[in-house]
Amino acid sequence: MIHQWKRALLESASGVFERGVRKTPKIDEEQVKELHAKIGQLALANSFLSES
């Protein structure tokens, strides 16, 4: 995950200092799916642990 963040920073760091039109960030659909799955797992674990 840290390597992905570093790669994203290196690819778009120059855009931080540019003036003018803002670019919309690129959305990685695969990463979004992974994060949604992780949220579901954590919600289920949280629910299970709160019932105990």
N, C-alpha and C. Protein backbone atom coordinates (compact mmCIF):
# COMPACT_ATOMS: atom_id res chain seq x y z
N MET A 1 0.83 -1.18 0.00
CA MET A 1 0.00 0.00 0.00
C MET A 1 0.88 1.26 0.00
N ILE A 2 1.92 1.25 0.80
CA ILE A 2 2.81 2.41 0.85
C ILE A 2 3.48 2.64 -0.49
N HIS A 3 3.81 1.55 -1.17
CA HIS A 3 4.43 1.68 -2.49
C HIS A 3 3.45 2.33 -3.48
N GLN A 4 2.16 2.01 -3.37
CA GLN A 4 1.16 2.63 -4.24
C GLN A 4 1.06 4.12 -3.95
N TRP A 5 1.08 4.48 -2.67
CA TRP A 5 1.00 5.90 -2.30
C TRP A 5 2.22 6.65 -2.82
N LYS A 6 3.40 6.02 -2.67
CA LYS A 6 4.63 6.67 -3.13
C LYS A 6 4.58 6.87 -4.64
N ARG A 7 4.13 5.83 -5.36
CA ARG A 7 4.03 5.93 -6.82
C ARG A 7 3.06 7.04 -7.21
N ALA A 8 1.92 7.11 -6.54
CA ALA A 8 0.94 8.15 -6.83
C ALA A 8 1.51 9.54 -6.55
N LEU A 9 2.27 9.66 -5.47
CA LEU A 9 2.89 10.94 -5.14
C LEU A 9 3.89 11.34 -6.21
N LEU A 10 4.73 10.41 -6.60
CA LEU A 10 5.76 10.73 -7.59
C LEU A 10 5.15 11.08 -8.95
N GLU A 11 4.03 10.43 -9.29
CA GLU A 11 3.39 10.71 -10.57
C GLU A 11 2.68 12.06 -10.59
N SER A 12 2.17 12.51 -9.43
CA SER A 12 1.36 13.72 -9.44
C SER A 12 1.90 14.84 -8.57
N ALA A 13 3.09 14.71 -8.02
CA ALA A 13 3.63 15.73 -7.13
C ALA A 13 3.84 17.06 -7.84
N SER A 14 4.24 17.02 -9.09
CA SER A 14 4.48 18.27 -9.80
C SER A 14 3.18 19.05 -9.97
N GLY A 15 2.06 18.38 -10.02
CA GLY A 15 0.76 19.04 -10.17
C GLY A 15 0.38 19.88 -8.97
N VAL A 16 0.98 19.59 -7.82
CA VAL A 16 0.68 20.37 -6.62
C VAL A 16 1.13 21.81 -6.79
N PHE A 17 2.21 22.02 -7.50
CA PHE A 17 2.78 23.35 -7.63
C PHE A 17 2.36 24.07 -8.90
N GLU A 18 1.58 23.42 -9.74
CA GLU A 18 1.12 24.05 -10.97
C GLU A 18 -0.04 24.99 -10.67
N ARG A 19 -0.09 26.05 -11.42
CA ARG A 19 -1.21 26.99 -11.30
C ARG A 19 -2.15 26.76 -12.47
N GLY A 20 -3.37 27.13 -12.27
CA GLY A 20 -4.32 26.98 -13.36
C GLY A 20 -5.40 25.95 -13.06
N VAL A 21 -5.79 25.26 -14.09
CA VAL A 21 -6.89 24.32 -13.99
C VAL A 21 -6.50 23.12 -13.13
N ARG A 22 -7.41 22.78 -12.23
CA ARG A 22 -7.18 21.60 -11.40
C ARG A 22 -7.57 20.35 -12.16
N LYS A 23 -6.78 19.32 -11.99
CA LYS A 23 -7.08 18.04 -12.62
C LYS A 23 -7.85 17.18 -11.63
N THR A 24 -8.80 16.44 -12.14
CA THR A 24 -9.51 15.52 -11.27
C THR A 24 -8.64 14.29 -11.03
N PRO A 25 -8.60 13.80 -9.79
CA PRO A 25 -7.74 12.66 -9.51
C PRO A 25 -8.24 11.40 -10.20
N LYS A 26 -7.30 10.56 -10.60
CA LYS A 26 -7.62 9.29 -11.24
C LYS A 26 -8.09 8.32 -10.16
N ILE A 27 -9.19 7.65 -10.40
CA ILE A 27 -9.74 6.71 -9.43
C ILE A 27 -9.38 5.30 -9.87
N ASP A 28 -8.74 4.58 -8.98
CA ASP A 28 -8.36 3.19 -9.24
C ASP A 28 -9.51 2.31 -8.78
N GLU A 29 -10.30 1.82 -9.72
CA GLU A 29 -11.50 1.04 -9.41
C GLU A 29 -11.17 -0.23 -8.64
N GLU A 30 -10.05 -0.87 -8.96
CA GLU A 30 -9.68 -2.10 -8.26
C GLU A 30 -9.39 -1.81 -6.79
N GLN A 31 -8.71 -0.71 -6.53
CA GLN A 31 -8.41 -0.34 -5.15
C GLN A 31 -9.69 0.02 -4.40
N VAL A 32 -10.62 0.67 -5.06
CA VAL A 32 -11.90 1.01 -4.43
C VAL A 32 -12.64 -0.26 -4.03
N LYS A 33 -12.64 -1.26 -4.91
CA LYS A 33 -13.30 -2.53 -4.60
C LYS A 33 -12.63 -3.21 -3.41
N GLU A 34 -11.29 -3.19 -3.38
CA GLU A 34 -10.57 -3.79 -2.25
C GLU A 34 -10.90 -3.08 -0.95
N LEU A 35 -10.97 -1.76 -1.00
CA LEU A 35 -11.27 -0.99 0.21
C LEU A 35 -12.70 -1.24 0.68
N HIS A 36 -13.64 -1.36 -0.24
CA HIS A 36 -15.02 -1.67 0.13
C HIS A 36 -15.11 -3.04 0.78
N ALA A 37 -14.37 -4.00 0.25
CA ALA A 37 -14.36 -5.34 0.84
C ALA A 37 -13.78 -5.30 2.25
N LYS A 38 -12.72 -4.54 2.43
CA LYS A 38 -12.09 -4.42 3.75
C LYS A 38 -13.04 -3.75 4.73
N ILE A 39 -13.76 -2.73 4.28
CA ILE A 39 -14.74 -2.06 5.14
C ILE A 39 -15.80 -3.06 5.58
N GLY A 40 -16.26 -3.89 4.64
CA GLY A 40 -17.26 -4.91 4.99
C GLY A 40 -16.73 -5.89 6.02
N GLN A 41 -15.49 -6.34 5.85
CA GLN A 41 -14.88 -7.26 6.81
C GLN A 41 -14.78 -6.63 8.19
N LEU A 42 -14.34 -5.38 8.24
CA LEU A 42 -14.18 -4.70 9.51
C LEU A 42 -15.53 -4.43 10.18
N ALA A 43 -16.54 -4.10 9.39
CA ALA A 43 -17.87 -3.88 9.94
C ALA A 43 -18.42 -5.17 10.53
N LEU A 44 -18.21 -6.29 9.84
CA LEU A 44 -18.67 -7.58 10.33
C LEU A 44 -17.95 -7.96 11.61
N ALA A 45 -16.64 -7.78 11.65
CA ALA A 45 -15.88 -8.09 12.86
C ALA A 45 -16.30 -7.19 14.01
N ASN A 46 -16.52 -5.93 13.73
CA ASN A 46 -16.96 -4.98 14.76
C ASN A 46 -18.32 -5.39 15.32
N SER A 47 -19.23 -5.77 14.43
CA SER A 47 -20.55 -6.20 14.85
C SER A 47 -20.46 -7.47 15.70
N PHE A 48 -19.64 -8.41 15.27
CA PHE A 48 -19.47 -9.66 16.00
C PHE A 48 -18.90 -9.41 17.39
N LEU A 49 -17.90 -8.56 17.47
CA LEU A 49 -17.24 -8.29 18.76
C LEU A 49 -18.13 -7.47 19.69
N SER A 50 -18.97 -6.62 19.15
CA SER A 50 -19.84 -5.82 20.01
C SER A 50 -20.98 -6.64 20.59
N GLU A 51 -21.33 -7.77 19.96
CA GLU A 51 -22.38 -8.64 20.48
C GLU A 51 -21.88 -9.52 21.62
N SER A 52 -20.59 -9.71 21.72
CA SER A 52 -20.03 -10.61 22.75
C SER A 52 -20.04 -9.99 24.11
